[in-house]
Amino acid sequence: ETPVEEMISSTEKGVYVNRFHYMNIVDPFEALLTGMTRDGTFLIEKGKLTRAIKNMRFNVKFFDFTKNIEAISNETETVGGDYFPIVAPYMKANNFTFSSKTA
C-alpha cells in the first residue's frame, strides 16, 4: 500500500517502467517470461526520475519476480488490449534484470 511517488523517492538507483509490452511465455514449466518496456522508461537516481532511457528487453522467472516485490500501491491502472484488459497496481521490485536494449 505504498504510493508510486514514495516508491520512486525511496529508490537510490533504479528504472521506472511505464508499461511492459509484448509479454510472452518462454518456458511454461519454469514460468519464464519475456517482454519489453514501452511508452516511457526512466532512470531513477537519488529518488528522482532523471532522464528517459531506451526501451529494454527482459527475461524473468515469474516466481523469482514475485519474491522480490518490495512494495505494491493501492493505485491501479488498466492495461492491455480491448479484449483482455488487466487492472494492475504499481509495483516496486528488486533484482530485476534487463537483458538488452530494443530498437
N, C-alpha and C. Protein backbone atom coordinates (compact mmCIF):
# COMPACT_ATOMS: atom_id res chain seq x y z
N GLU A 1 0.82 -1.18 0.00
CA GLU A 1 0.00 0.00 0.00
C GLU A 1 0.87 1.25 0.00
N THR A 2 1.84 1.27 -0.90
CA THR A 2 2.79 2.38 -0.99
C THR A 2 2.48 3.22 -2.23
N PRO A 3 2.30 4.53 -2.08
CA PRO A 3 2.07 5.38 -3.26
C PRO A 3 3.26 5.32 -4.22
N VAL A 4 2.99 5.42 -5.51
CA VAL A 4 4.05 5.32 -6.52
C VAL A 4 5.11 6.40 -6.30
N GLU A 5 4.71 7.60 -5.87
CA GLU A 5 5.68 8.67 -5.62
C GLU A 5 6.67 8.26 -4.53
N GLU A 6 6.18 7.55 -3.51
CA GLU A 6 7.06 7.08 -2.44
C GLU A 6 7.99 5.96 -2.93
N MET A 7 7.49 5.12 -3.83
CA MET A 7 8.34 4.07 -4.40
C MET A 7 9.53 4.71 -5.12
N ILE A 8 9.25 5.78 -5.87
CA ILE A 8 10.31 6.46 -6.61
C ILE A 8 11.26 7.17 -5.64
N SER A 9 10.70 7.93 -4.70
CA SER A 9 11.54 8.73 -3.79
C SER A 9 12.41 7.86 -2.87
N SER A 10 12.02 6.62 -2.64
CA SER A 10 12.81 5.73 -1.78
C SER A 10 13.82 4.89 -2.56
N THR A 11 13.96 5.15 -3.85
CA THR A 11 14.87 4.38 -4.70
C THR A 11 16.14 5.17 -4.96
N GLU A 12 17.28 4.64 -4.54
CA GLU A 12 18.57 5.31 -4.77
C GLU A 12 18.94 5.27 -6.25
N LYS A 13 18.86 4.08 -6.86
CA LYS A 13 19.13 3.95 -8.29
C LYS A 13 18.25 2.83 -8.82
N GLY A 14 17.52 3.12 -9.89
CA GLY A 14 16.63 2.12 -10.44
C GLY A 14 16.07 2.56 -11.78
N VAL A 15 15.09 1.81 -12.24
CA VAL A 15 14.44 2.08 -13.51
C VAL A 15 12.93 2.13 -13.28
N TYR A 16 12.29 3.18 -13.79
CA TYR A 16 10.83 3.30 -13.74
C TYR A 16 10.30 2.87 -15.10
N VAL A 17 9.46 1.86 -15.10
CA VAL A 17 8.88 1.34 -16.34
C VAL A 17 7.41 1.72 -16.38
N ASN A 18 7.03 2.48 -17.39
CA ASN A 18 5.64 2.89 -17.52
C ASN A 18 4.76 1.73 -17.96
N ARG A 19 5.29 0.89 -18.86
CA ARG A 19 4.47 -0.21 -19.36
C ARG A 19 5.36 -1.32 -19.90
N PHE A 20 4.93 -2.55 -19.65
CA PHE A 20 5.57 -3.72 -20.27
C PHE A 20 4.76 -4.09 -21.50
N HIS A 21 5.44 -4.53 -22.54
CA HIS A 21 4.82 -4.77 -23.84
C HIS A 21 5.31 -6.11 -24.39
N TYR A 22 4.48 -6.73 -25.21
CA TYR A 22 4.84 -7.94 -25.93
C TYR A 22 5.31 -9.04 -24.97
N MET A 23 4.54 -9.21 -23.90
CA MET A 23 4.86 -10.24 -22.91
C MET A 23 4.52 -11.62 -23.48
N ASN A 24 5.44 -12.55 -23.33
CA ASN A 24 5.23 -13.91 -23.80
C ASN A 24 5.85 -14.91 -22.84
N ILE A 25 5.33 -16.12 -22.85
CA ILE A 25 5.87 -17.20 -22.04
C ILE A 25 6.95 -17.91 -22.85
N VAL A 26 8.15 -17.97 -22.31
CA VAL A 26 9.27 -18.65 -22.96
C VAL A 26 9.28 -20.12 -22.55
N ASP A 27 9.11 -20.36 -21.26
CA ASP A 27 9.14 -21.72 -20.71
C ASP A 27 8.04 -21.85 -19.66
N PRO A 28 6.94 -22.52 -19.99
CA PRO A 28 5.82 -22.60 -19.04
C PRO A 28 6.16 -23.38 -17.77
N PHE A 29 7.06 -24.34 -17.85
CA PHE A 29 7.41 -25.13 -16.67
C PHE A 29 8.23 -24.33 -15.66
N GLU A 30 9.04 -23.42 -16.16
CA GLU A 30 9.85 -22.54 -15.30
C GLU A 30 9.14 -21.22 -15.03
N ALA A 31 7.99 -20.99 -15.68
CA ALA A 31 7.27 -19.71 -15.63
C ALA A 31 8.20 -18.57 -16.05
N LEU A 32 8.98 -18.82 -17.12
CA LEU A 32 9.91 -17.84 -17.66
C LEU A 32 9.19 -16.95 -18.66
N LEU A 33 9.22 -15.65 -18.41
CA LEU A 33 8.54 -14.68 -19.26
C LEU A 33 9.56 -13.80 -19.96
N THR A 34 9.18 -13.30 -21.13
CA THR A 34 9.99 -12.31 -21.83
C THR A 34 9.08 -11.15 -22.21
N GLY A 35 9.67 -10.00 -22.42
CA GLY A 35 8.89 -8.83 -22.82
C GLY A 35 9.81 -7.65 -23.01
N MET A 36 9.18 -6.49 -23.27
CA MET A 36 9.93 -5.26 -23.48
C MET A 36 9.25 -4.13 -22.72
N THR A 37 10.01 -3.08 -22.46
CA THR A 37 9.42 -1.88 -21.89
C THR A 37 8.86 -1.03 -23.03
N ARG A 38 7.93 -0.12 -22.67
CA ARG A 38 7.33 0.71 -23.72
C ARG A 38 6.66 1.93 -23.11
N ASP A 39 6.55 2.98 -23.89
CA ASP A 39 5.79 4.19 -23.53
C ASP A 39 6.34 4.91 -22.31
N GLY A 40 7.63 4.93 -22.16
CA GLY A 40 8.24 5.69 -21.07
C GLY A 40 9.01 4.82 -20.11
N THR A 41 10.32 4.83 -20.25
CA THR A 41 11.21 4.13 -19.33
C THR A 41 12.23 5.16 -18.86
N PHE A 42 12.36 5.31 -17.54
CA PHE A 42 13.15 6.40 -16.99
C PHE A 42 14.14 5.89 -15.95
N LEU A 43 15.26 6.57 -15.87
CA LEU A 43 16.26 6.28 -14.84
C LEU A 43 15.84 6.99 -13.55
N ILE A 44 15.93 6.28 -12.43
CA ILE A 44 15.71 6.87 -11.11
C ILE A 44 17.07 7.00 -10.45
N GLU A 45 17.40 8.21 -10.02
CA GLU A 45 18.64 8.47 -9.29
C GLU A 45 18.32 9.33 -8.08
N LYS A 46 18.75 8.87 -6.91
CA LYS A 46 18.55 9.59 -5.65
C LYS A 46 17.09 10.02 -5.46
N GLY A 47 16.18 9.09 -5.77
CA GLY A 47 14.77 9.31 -5.52
C GLY A 47 14.04 10.19 -6.52
N LYS A 48 14.66 10.46 -7.67
CA LYS A 48 14.02 11.30 -8.68
C LYS A 48 14.15 10.67 -10.06
N LEU A 49 13.12 10.87 -10.89
CA LEU A 49 13.20 10.48 -12.29
C LEU A 49 14.12 11.49 -12.96
N THR A 50 15.25 11.02 -13.49
CA THR A 50 16.24 11.97 -14.00
C THR A 50 16.27 12.09 -15.52
N ARG A 51 16.01 11.00 -16.24
CA ARG A 51 16.03 11.09 -17.70
C ARG A 51 15.39 9.86 -18.31
N ALA A 52 14.93 10.03 -19.54
CA ALA A 52 14.39 8.90 -20.29
C ALA A 52 15.55 8.01 -20.74
N ILE A 53 15.29 6.72 -20.78
CA ILE A 53 16.29 5.77 -21.29
C ILE A 53 15.63 4.91 -22.36
N LYS A 54 16.45 4.23 -23.14
CA LYS A 54 15.93 3.40 -24.23
C LYS A 54 15.10 2.24 -23.68
N ASN A 55 14.15 1.80 -24.48
CA ASN A 55 13.37 0.62 -24.10
C ASN A 55 14.29 -0.59 -24.03
N MET A 56 13.91 -1.53 -23.18
CA MET A 56 14.76 -2.70 -22.95
C MET A 56 13.94 -3.99 -22.98
N ARG A 57 14.63 -5.08 -23.23
CA ARG A 57 14.05 -6.42 -23.21
C ARG A 57 14.44 -7.09 -21.90
N PHE A 58 13.56 -7.98 -21.44
CA PHE A 58 13.87 -8.72 -20.21
C PHE A 58 13.41 -10.16 -20.34
N ASN A 59 14.02 -11.02 -19.55
CA ASN A 59 13.60 -12.40 -19.33
C ASN A 59 13.57 -12.57 -17.82
N VAL A 60 12.47 -13.03 -17.28
CA VAL A 60 12.36 -13.15 -15.83
C VAL A 60 11.49 -14.35 -15.47
N LYS A 61 11.88 -15.05 -14.43
CA LYS A 61 11.04 -16.12 -13.90
C LYS A 61 9.99 -15.47 -13.00
N PHE A 62 8.73 -15.72 -13.29
CA PHE A 62 7.63 -15.06 -12.60
C PHE A 62 7.74 -15.20 -11.09
N PHE A 63 8.04 -16.40 -10.60
CA PHE A 63 8.07 -16.61 -9.15
C PHE A 63 9.28 -15.93 -8.50
N ASP A 64 10.39 -15.80 -9.23
CA ASP A 64 11.52 -15.01 -8.72
C ASP A 64 11.11 -13.55 -8.61
N PHE A 65 10.41 -13.05 -9.63
CA PHE A 65 9.94 -11.67 -9.59
C PHE A 65 9.04 -11.43 -8.38
N THR A 66 8.07 -12.31 -8.17
CA THR A 66 7.14 -12.09 -7.06
C THR A 66 7.83 -12.14 -5.70
N LYS A 67 8.90 -12.93 -5.57
CA LYS A 67 9.65 -12.98 -4.31
C LYS A 67 10.39 -11.67 -4.05
N ASN A 68 10.66 -10.90 -5.10
CA ASN A 68 11.43 -9.67 -4.98
C ASN A 68 10.58 -8.41 -4.95
N ILE A 69 9.26 -8.54 -4.85
CA ILE A 69 8.41 -7.36 -4.77
C ILE A 69 8.60 -6.72 -3.40
N GLU A 70 8.96 -5.45 -3.42
CA GLU A 70 9.20 -4.69 -2.19
C GLU A 70 7.97 -3.87 -1.78
N ALA A 71 7.21 -3.38 -2.78
CA ALA A 71 6.06 -2.53 -2.47
C ALA A 71 5.00 -2.68 -3.56
N ILE A 72 3.75 -2.51 -3.15
CA ILE A 72 2.60 -2.53 -4.06
C ILE A 72 1.72 -1.35 -3.70
N SER A 73 1.20 -0.65 -4.72
CA SER A 73 0.37 0.53 -4.47
C SER A 73 -1.11 0.17 -4.36
N ASN A 74 -1.87 1.07 -3.76
CA ASN A 74 -3.33 0.97 -3.82
C ASN A 74 -3.83 1.48 -5.16
N GLU A 75 -3.06 2.38 -5.77
CA GLU A 75 -3.41 2.93 -7.07
C GLU A 75 -3.33 1.82 -8.12
N THR A 76 -4.24 1.85 -9.06
CA THR A 76 -4.22 0.86 -10.13
C THR A 76 -4.32 1.56 -11.48
N GLU A 77 -3.98 0.83 -12.50
CA GLU A 77 -4.11 1.32 -13.86
C GLU A 77 -4.60 0.16 -14.72
N THR A 78 -5.46 0.47 -15.67
CA THR A 78 -5.95 -0.55 -16.59
C THR A 78 -4.98 -0.63 -17.76
N VAL A 79 -4.47 -1.82 -18.01
CA VAL A 79 -3.51 -2.03 -19.09
C VAL A 79 -3.98 -3.19 -19.96
N GLY A 80 -3.48 -3.24 -21.17
CA GLY A 80 -3.83 -4.33 -22.06
C GLY A 80 -4.76 -3.88 -23.16
N GLY A 81 -5.11 -4.81 -24.00
CA GLY A 81 -5.93 -4.52 -25.16
C GLY A 81 -7.41 -4.46 -24.85
N ASP A 82 -8.18 -4.33 -25.90
CA ASP A 82 -9.64 -4.24 -25.78
C ASP A 82 -10.26 -5.54 -25.30
N TYR A 83 -9.65 -6.67 -25.61
CA TYR A 83 -10.26 -7.96 -25.30
C TYR A 83 -9.95 -8.46 -23.90
N PHE A 84 -8.74 -8.20 -23.41
CA PHE A 84 -8.34 -8.72 -22.11
C PHE A 84 -7.64 -7.65 -21.27
N PRO A 85 -8.33 -6.56 -20.95
CA PRO A 85 -7.67 -5.55 -20.11
C PRO A 85 -7.42 -6.09 -18.71
N ILE A 86 -6.36 -5.61 -18.09
CA ILE A 86 -5.97 -6.03 -16.75
C ILE A 86 -5.87 -4.80 -15.87
N VAL A 87 -6.46 -4.85 -14.69
CA VAL A 87 -6.31 -3.79 -13.71
C VAL A 87 -5.17 -4.20 -12.79
N ALA A 88 -4.09 -3.40 -12.78
CA ALA A 88 -2.89 -3.78 -12.03
C ALA A 88 -2.41 -2.62 -11.17
N PRO A 89 -1.83 -2.94 -10.00
CA PRO A 89 -1.24 -1.89 -9.17
C PRO A 89 0.18 -1.58 -9.66
N TYR A 90 0.73 -0.49 -9.18
CA TYR A 90 2.15 -0.20 -9.38
C TYR A 90 2.92 -1.11 -8.43
N MET A 91 4.10 -1.55 -8.85
CA MET A 91 4.92 -2.42 -8.01
C MET A 91 6.37 -1.96 -8.05
N LYS A 92 7.05 -2.16 -6.94
CA LYS A 92 8.49 -1.93 -6.87
C LYS A 92 9.14 -3.27 -6.55
N ALA A 93 10.07 -3.68 -7.41
CA ALA A 93 10.74 -4.97 -7.22
C ALA A 93 12.25 -4.79 -7.28
N ASN A 94 12.94 -5.60 -6.52
CA ASN A 94 14.41 -5.61 -6.53
C ASN A 94 14.92 -6.71 -7.45
N ASN A 95 16.17 -6.57 -7.86
CA ASN A 95 16.88 -7.62 -8.62
C ASN A 95 16.20 -7.98 -9.93
N PHE A 96 15.61 -7.01 -10.61
CA PHE A 96 15.01 -7.22 -11.92
C PHE A 96 16.08 -6.90 -12.95
N THR A 97 16.40 -7.86 -13.80
CA THR A 97 17.49 -7.70 -14.75
C THR A 97 16.97 -7.56 -16.17
N PHE A 98 17.42 -6.51 -16.85
CA PHE A 98 17.11 -6.33 -18.26
C PHE A 98 18.23 -6.95 -19.06
N SER A 99 17.88 -7.62 -20.17
CA SER A 99 18.88 -8.36 -20.94
C SER A 99 19.50 -7.56 -22.07
N SER A 100 18.75 -6.61 -22.65
CA SER A 100 19.30 -5.84 -23.77
C SER A 100 18.41 -4.64 -24.06
N LYS A 101 18.93 -3.72 -24.88
CA LYS A 101 18.15 -2.58 -25.37
C LYS A 101 17.34 -3.06 -26.56
N THR A 102 16.23 -2.37 -26.82
CA THR A 102 15.45 -2.68 -28.02
C THR A 102 15.63 -1.54 -29.02
N ALA A 103 15.26 -1.79 -30.26
CA ALA A 103 15.41 -0.77 -31.30
C ALA A 103 14.43 0.35 -31.12
